[in-house]
Amino acid sequence: MLSALDVLVSAPTAVSWLGAAAGTRTIKILYDTSWTAFGQDHEPFAPNCILATPQRRGDWAGTFAKAKEIIVTP
């Protein structure tokens, strides 16, 4: 089912990893930075998984705005 999606927006759970593994463009919504990204804007072990990280910890409005921007950009 995940591979049938155009884009998947998910919290940092197994769903985001499974969607990226299925080849679906995945956006992971984060509260803070992700240690699994090693400082990058995507997951190195799941290149289809783009991270929507806040400018400052807990900035949900900024994080969702960034996710929206990622969705509308091909």
N, C-alpha and C. Protein backbone atom coordinates (compact mmCIF):
# COMPACT_ATOMS: atom_id res chain seq x y z
N MET A 1 0.82 -1.18 0.00
CA MET A 1 0.00 0.00 0.00
C MET A 1 0.87 1.25 0.00
N LEU A 2 1.97 1.23 0.72
CA LEU A 2 2.83 2.41 0.79
C LEU A 2 3.42 2.76 -0.57
N SER A 3 3.69 1.78 -1.38
CA SER A 3 4.27 2.06 -2.70
C SER A 3 3.26 2.66 -3.67
N ALA A 4 1.98 2.61 -3.34
CA ALA A 4 0.95 3.19 -4.20
C ALA A 4 0.78 4.70 -3.96
N LEU A 5 1.40 5.23 -2.92
CA LEU A 5 1.26 6.65 -2.59
C LEU A 5 2.16 7.52 -3.47
N ASP A 6 1.72 8.75 -3.71
CA ASP A 6 2.57 9.73 -4.40
C ASP A 6 3.63 10.27 -3.45
N VAL A 7 3.22 10.52 -2.23
CA VAL A 7 4.13 11.01 -1.19
C VAL A 7 3.60 10.53 0.16
N LEU A 8 4.50 10.26 1.06
CA LEU A 8 4.14 9.82 2.41
C LEU A 8 4.70 10.83 3.40
N VAL A 9 3.86 11.34 4.27
CA VAL A 9 4.28 12.24 5.35
C VAL A 9 4.10 11.46 6.64
N SER A 10 5.19 11.36 7.41
CA SER A 10 5.14 10.49 8.59
C SER A 10 5.98 11.06 9.72
N ALA A 11 5.66 10.62 10.92
CA ALA A 11 6.52 10.85 12.07
C ALA A 11 7.73 9.91 11.94
N PRO A 12 8.76 10.10 12.75
CA PRO A 12 9.93 9.23 12.67
C PRO A 12 9.64 7.84 13.27
N THR A 13 8.88 7.06 12.53
CA THR A 13 8.51 5.72 12.97
C THR A 13 8.90 4.72 11.88
N ALA A 14 8.57 3.48 12.10
CA ALA A 14 8.85 2.44 11.11
C ALA A 14 8.13 2.72 9.80
N VAL A 15 7.00 3.41 9.86
CA VAL A 15 6.25 3.71 8.64
C VAL A 15 7.10 4.53 7.68
N SER A 16 7.84 5.51 8.19
CA SER A 16 8.68 6.33 7.31
C SER A 16 9.78 5.50 6.67
N TRP A 17 10.36 4.58 7.41
CA TRP A 17 11.41 3.71 6.86
C TRP A 17 10.84 2.74 5.83
N LEU A 18 9.67 2.18 6.11
CA LEU A 18 9.05 1.24 5.17
C LEU A 18 8.62 1.94 3.88
N GLY A 19 8.08 3.14 4.01
CA GLY A 19 7.68 3.89 2.83
C GLY A 19 8.87 4.22 1.94
N ALA A 20 9.96 4.67 2.55
CA ALA A 20 11.16 4.98 1.79
C ALA A 20 11.74 3.72 1.16
N ALA A 21 11.70 2.61 1.89
CA ALA A 21 12.21 1.35 1.35
C ALA A 21 11.37 0.86 0.18
N ALA A 22 10.08 1.20 0.18
CA ALA A 22 9.19 0.81 -0.92
C ALA A 22 9.37 1.71 -2.14
N GLY A 23 10.21 2.75 -2.00
CA GLY A 23 10.46 3.64 -3.12
C GLY A 23 9.56 4.86 -3.17
N THR A 24 8.75 5.05 -2.14
CA THR A 24 7.84 6.18 -2.08
C THR A 24 8.57 7.41 -1.57
N ARG A 25 8.34 8.54 -2.20
CA ARG A 25 8.91 9.79 -1.70
C ARG A 25 8.34 10.03 -0.31
N THR A 26 9.21 10.10 0.68
CA THR A 26 8.79 10.16 2.08
C THR A 26 9.31 11.42 2.74
N ILE A 27 8.44 12.07 3.50
CA ILE A 27 8.82 13.25 4.27
C ILE A 27 8.64 12.90 5.74
N LYS A 28 9.73 12.98 6.47
CA LYS A 28 9.68 12.67 7.90
C LYS A 28 9.60 13.97 8.69
N ILE A 29 8.53 14.13 9.46
CA ILE A 29 8.31 15.32 10.29
C ILE A 29 9.04 15.11 11.62
N LEU A 30 9.93 16.04 11.95
CA LEU A 30 10.74 15.89 13.16
C LEU A 30 10.54 17.05 14.13
N TYR A 31 10.68 16.75 15.42
CA TYR A 31 10.61 17.73 16.50
C TYR A 31 11.94 18.44 16.66
N ASP A 32 13.01 17.74 16.33
CA ASP A 32 14.37 18.22 16.48
C ASP A 32 15.22 17.53 15.41
N THR A 33 16.51 17.63 15.50
CA THR A 33 17.37 16.97 14.52
C THR A 33 17.29 15.46 14.66
N SER A 34 17.75 14.77 13.62
CA SER A 34 17.72 13.31 13.63
C SER A 34 19.15 12.78 13.64
N TRP A 35 19.49 11.99 14.63
CA TRP A 35 20.86 11.46 14.70
C TRP A 35 21.12 10.47 13.57
N THR A 36 20.07 9.85 13.04
CA THR A 36 20.27 8.87 11.96
C THR A 36 20.58 9.53 10.63
N ALA A 37 20.42 10.86 10.54
CA ALA A 37 20.68 11.58 9.29
C ALA A 37 22.14 12.05 9.20
N PHE A 38 22.87 11.95 10.30
CA PHE A 38 24.27 12.36 10.32
C PHE A 38 24.46 13.78 9.79
N GLY A 39 23.53 14.69 10.17
CA GLY A 39 23.63 16.10 9.81
C GLY A 39 23.16 16.45 8.40
N GLN A 40 22.57 15.52 7.69
CA GLN A 40 22.10 15.79 6.33
C GLN A 40 20.61 16.09 6.33
N ASP A 41 20.08 16.48 5.17
CA ASP A 41 18.65 16.80 5.06
C ASP A 41 17.82 15.60 4.61
N HIS A 42 18.45 14.45 4.52
CA HIS A 42 17.75 13.20 4.18
C HIS A 42 18.39 12.07 4.96
N GLU A 43 17.75 10.93 4.95
CA GLU A 43 18.32 9.76 5.62
C GLU A 43 19.32 9.10 4.67
N PRO A 44 20.60 9.04 5.02
CA PRO A 44 21.60 8.46 4.12
C PRO A 44 21.31 7.01 3.72
N PHE A 45 20.68 6.26 4.60
CA PHE A 45 20.37 4.87 4.29
C PHE A 45 19.00 4.70 3.64
N ALA A 46 18.29 5.81 3.47
CA ALA A 46 16.98 5.82 2.81
C ALA A 46 16.86 7.13 2.03
N PRO A 47 17.53 7.25 0.88
CA PRO A 47 17.56 8.52 0.14
C PRO A 47 16.19 9.07 -0.24
N ASN A 48 15.16 8.23 -0.31
CA ASN A 48 13.81 8.71 -0.61
C ASN A 48 13.18 9.43 0.58
N CYS A 49 13.83 9.39 1.73
CA CYS A 49 13.27 9.98 2.95
C CYS A 49 13.90 11.35 3.21
N ILE A 50 13.11 12.40 2.97
CA ILE A 50 13.55 13.77 3.17
C ILE A 50 13.09 14.21 4.56
N LEU A 51 13.94 14.94 5.27
CA LEU A 51 13.62 15.36 6.62
C LEU A 51 13.06 16.78 6.66
N ALA A 52 11.98 16.96 7.37
CA ALA A 52 11.43 18.29 7.64
C ALA A 52 11.79 18.60 9.08
N THR A 53 12.87 19.32 9.27
CA THR A 53 13.36 19.64 10.61
C THR A 53 13.11 21.11 10.93
N PRO A 54 12.87 21.41 12.19
CA PRO A 54 12.59 22.79 12.57
C PRO A 54 13.86 23.64 12.65
N GLN A 55 13.71 24.95 12.50
CA GLN A 55 14.83 25.87 12.69
C GLN A 55 15.27 25.85 14.14
N ARG A 56 14.28 25.76 15.03
CA ARG A 56 14.58 25.62 16.45
C ARG A 56 13.69 24.53 17.01
N ARG A 57 14.18 23.84 17.98
CA ARG A 57 13.50 22.67 18.55
C ARG A 57 12.04 22.97 18.90
N GLY A 58 11.15 22.12 18.37
CA GLY A 58 9.73 22.23 18.70
C GLY A 58 8.94 23.22 17.87
N ASP A 59 9.55 23.82 16.83
CA ASP A 59 8.85 24.78 15.98
C ASP A 59 7.98 24.02 14.98
N TRP A 60 6.79 23.61 15.43
CA TRP A 60 5.91 22.81 14.59
C TRP A 60 5.41 23.57 13.37
N ALA A 61 5.07 24.83 13.54
CA ALA A 61 4.56 25.62 12.41
C ALA A 61 5.61 25.69 11.30
N GLY A 62 6.84 25.95 11.66
CA GLY A 62 7.93 26.00 10.68
C GLY A 62 8.19 24.65 10.05
N THR A 63 8.09 23.59 10.85
CA THR A 63 8.34 22.24 10.34
C THR A 63 7.28 21.84 9.33
N PHE A 64 6.01 22.12 9.62
CA PHE A 64 4.95 21.76 8.69
C PHE A 64 4.98 22.65 7.44
N ALA A 65 5.40 23.91 7.58
CA ALA A 65 5.56 24.77 6.41
C ALA A 65 6.67 24.22 5.51
N LYS A 66 7.75 23.74 6.13
CA LYS A 66 8.84 23.15 5.36
C LYS A 66 8.36 21.88 4.65
N ALA A 67 7.57 21.06 5.34
CA ALA A 67 7.03 19.84 4.72
C ALA A 67 6.14 20.18 3.53
N LYS A 68 5.32 21.22 3.68
CA LYS A 68 4.46 21.65 2.57
C LYS A 68 5.30 22.08 1.38
N GLU A 69 6.37 22.82 1.65
CA GLU A 69 7.27 23.26 0.58
C GLU A 69 7.91 22.07 -0.14
N ILE A 70 8.29 21.06 0.62
CA ILE A 70 8.89 19.85 0.04
C ILE A 70 7.86 19.12 -0.82
N ILE A 71 6.62 19.06 -0.37
CA ILE A 71 5.58 18.35 -1.11
C ILE A 71 5.32 19.00 -2.47
N VAL A 72 5.24 20.32 -2.52
CA VAL A 72 4.90 20.99 -3.77
C VAL A 72 6.10 21.11 -4.71
N THR A 73 7.31 20.87 -4.21
CA THR A 73 8.51 20.89 -5.06
C THR A 73 8.75 19.49 -5.59
N PRO A 74 8.79 19.33 -6.90
CA PRO A 74 8.97 17.98 -7.46
C PRO A 74 10.32 17.37 -7.12
